[in-house]
């Protein structure tokens, strides 16, 4: 039976720093996109409903869920996810 060695604080600190680096990269990309940088200005990243209904809205007030405006119901609708 194999025994796994528990991570020490240095190991946990290393993984924490790597995760934080990736989160910072993601946040920078989101900021670029929301300001019309790479990816275009067709995406709004905000915790409030955008005035422009022609964009994809990343609702940061609800965990970063992507939403689009459905003209037939006049409501913002969550983008369906597909897992394969």
C-alpha atoms as a PDB file:
ATOM      1  CA  UNK A   1       0.000   0.000   0.000  1.00  0.00           C
ATOM      2  CA  UNK A   2       1.455   3.329  -1.060  1.00  0.00           C
ATOM      3  CA  UNK A   3       1.625   6.136   1.455  1.00  0.00           C
ATOM      4  CA  UNK A   4       1.279   9.660   0.118  1.00  0.00           C
ATOM      5  CA  UNK A   5       3.417  12.317   1.736  1.00  0.00           C
ATOM      6  CA  UNK A   6       1.388  15.273   2.961  1.00  0.00           C
ATOM      7  CA  UNK A   7       2.304  18.597   1.442  1.00  0.00           C
ATOM      8  CA  UNK A   8       4.254  20.828   3.771  1.00  0.00           C
ATOM      9  CA  UNK A   9       3.595  24.552   4.041  1.00  0.00           C
ATOM     10  CA  UNK A  10       6.253  25.304   1.416  1.00  0.00           C
ATOM     11  CA  UNK A  11       4.500  23.003  -1.055  1.00  0.00           C
ATOM     12  CA  UNK A  12       1.134  24.584  -0.350  1.00  0.00           C
ATOM     13  CA  UNK A  13       2.623  28.047  -0.675  1.00  0.00           C
ATOM     14  CA  UNK A  14       4.096  27.109  -4.064  1.00  0.00           C
ATOM     15  CA  UNK A  15       0.745  25.893  -5.407  1.00  0.00           C
ATOM     16  CA  UNK A  16      -1.052  28.896  -3.955  1.00  0.00           C
ATOM     17  CA  UNK A  17       1.341  31.272  -5.737  1.00  0.00           C
ATOM     18  CA  UNK A  18       0.890  29.412  -9.052  1.00  0.00           C
ATOM     19  CA  UNK A  19      -2.900  29.574  -8.741  1.00  0.00           C
ATOM     20  CA  UNK A  20      -2.748  33.290  -7.937  1.00  0.00           C
ATOM     21  CA  UNK A  21      -0.527  33.908 -10.987  1.00  0.00           C
ATOM     22  CA  UNK A  22      -3.084  32.215 -13.256  1.00  0.00           C
ATOM     23  CA  UNK A  23      -5.967  34.124 -11.664  1.00  0.00           C
ATOM     24  CA  UNK A  24      -4.132  37.389 -12.272  1.00  0.00           C
ATOM     25  CA  UNK A  25      -3.584  36.436 -15.928  1.00  0.00           C
ATOM     26  CA  UNK A  26      -7.292  35.643 -16.308  1.00  0.00           C
ATOM     27  CA  UNK A  27      -8.312  38.915 -14.650  1.00  0.00           C
ATOM     28  CA  UNK A  28      -6.008  40.855 -16.982  1.00  0.00           C
ATOM     29  CA  UNK A  29      -7.574  39.166 -20.031  1.00  0.00           C
ATOM     30  CA  UNK A  30     -11.075  39.940 -18.740  1.00  0.00           C
ATOM     31  CA  UNK A  31     -10.079  43.566 -18.249  1.00  0.00           C
ATOM     32  CA  UNK A  32      -8.663  43.748 -21.808  1.00  0.00           C
ATOM     33  CA  UNK A  33     -11.836  42.275 -23.273  1.00  0.00           C
ATOM     34  CA  UNK A  34     -14.156  44.502 -21.247  1.00  0.00           C
ATOM     35  CA  UNK A  35     -12.238  47.578 -22.444  1.00  0.00           C
ATOM     36  CA  UNK A  36     -12.545  46.542 -26.084  1.00  0.00           C
ATOM     37  CA  UNK A  37      -9.059  45.066 -26.347  1.00  0.00           C
ATOM     38  CA  UNK A  38      -8.261  41.662 -27.793  1.00  0.00           C
ATOM     39  CA  UNK A  39     -11.500  39.814 -28.260  1.00  0.00           C
ATOM     40  CA  UNK A  40     -13.498  42.878 -29.275  1.00  0.00           C
ATOM     41  CA  UNK A  41     -15.997  45.016 -27.466  1.00  0.00           C
ATOM     42  CA  UNK A  42     -18.862  42.564 -27.991  1.00  0.00           C
ATOM     43  CA  UNK A  43     -18.343  41.328 -24.448  1.00  0.00           C
ATOM     44  CA  UNK A  44     -19.236  43.227 -21.287  1.00  0.00           C
ATOM     45  CA  UNK A  45     -17.808  42.096 -17.951  1.00  0.00           C
ATOM     46  CA  UNK A  46     -19.842  43.655 -15.177  1.00  0.00           C
ATOM     47  CA  UNK A  47     -22.004  42.960 -12.148  1.00  0.00           C
ATOM     48  CA  UNK A  48     -24.774  45.186 -13.544  1.00  0.00           C
ATOM     49  CA  UNK A  49     -27.013  44.660 -16.560  1.00  0.00           C
ATOM     50  CA  UNK A  50     -25.510  46.343 -19.650  1.00  0.00           C
ATOM     51  CA  UNK A  51     -27.531  48.884 -21.623  1.00  0.00           C
ATOM     52  CA  UNK A  52     -26.288  47.413 -24.903  1.00  0.00           C
ATOM     53  CA  UNK A  53     -28.337  44.241 -25.505  1.00  0.00           C
ATOM     54  CA  UNK A  54     -26.253  43.181 -28.521  1.00  0.00           C
ATOM     55  CA  UNK A  55     -23.293  42.060 -26.380  1.00  0.00           C
ATOM     56  CA  UNK A  56     -22.383  38.928 -24.495  1.00  0.00           C
ATOM     57  CA  UNK A  57     -22.581  39.787 -20.795  1.00  0.00           C
ATOM     58  CA  UNK A  58     -20.279  38.124 -18.277  1.00  0.00           C
ATOM     59  CA  UNK A  59     -22.300  38.601 -15.069  1.00  0.00           C
ATOM     60  CA  UNK A  60     -19.670  38.901 -12.345  1.00  0.00           C
ATOM     61  CA  UNK A  61     -22.405  39.421  -9.749  1.00  0.00           C
ATOM     62  CA  UNK A  62     -23.409  35.780 -10.287  1.00  0.00           C
ATOM     63  CA  UNK A  63     -20.110  33.964 -10.507  1.00  0.00           C
ATOM     64  CA  UNK A  64     -19.069  35.080 -13.998  1.00  0.00           C
ATOM     65  CA  UNK A  65     -21.982  33.468 -15.821  1.00  0.00           C
ATOM     66  CA  UNK A  66     -22.236  34.314 -19.524  1.00  0.00           C
ATOM     67  CA  UNK A  67     -25.598  35.723 -20.624  1.00  0.00           C
ATOM     68  CA  UNK A  68     -27.160  36.957 -23.852  1.00  0.00           C
ATOM     69  CA  UNK A  69     -30.231  39.104 -24.415  1.00  0.00           C
ATOM     70  CA  UNK A  70     -33.207  37.162 -25.762  1.00  0.00           C
ATOM     71  CA  UNK A  71     -35.317  39.571 -27.802  1.00  0.00           C
ATOM     72  CA  UNK A  72     -38.369  37.283 -27.775  1.00  0.00           C
ATOM     73  CA  UNK A  73     -38.585  37.267 -23.964  1.00  0.00           C
ATOM     74  CA  UNK A  74     -36.888  40.657 -23.442  1.00  0.00           C
ATOM     75  CA  UNK A  75     -34.674  39.096 -20.757  1.00  0.00           C
ATOM     76  CA  UNK A  76     -31.018  38.244 -20.222  1.00  0.00           C
ATOM     77  CA  UNK A  77     -30.650  34.467 -20.543  1.00  0.00           C
ATOM     78  CA  UNK A  78     -27.834  32.233 -19.264  1.00  0.00           C
ATOM     79  CA  UNK A  79     -25.702  30.629 -21.977  1.00  0.00           C
ATOM     80  CA  UNK A  80     -26.170  26.864 -21.819  1.00  0.00           C
ATOM     81  CA  UNK A  81     -23.038  24.816 -21.144  1.00  0.00           C
ATOM     82  CA  UNK A  82     -22.143  21.603 -22.905  1.00  0.00           C
ATOM     83  CA  UNK A  83     -19.910  19.040 -21.256  1.00  0.00           C
ATOM     84  CA  UNK A  84     -18.447  16.224 -23.268  1.00  0.00           C
END
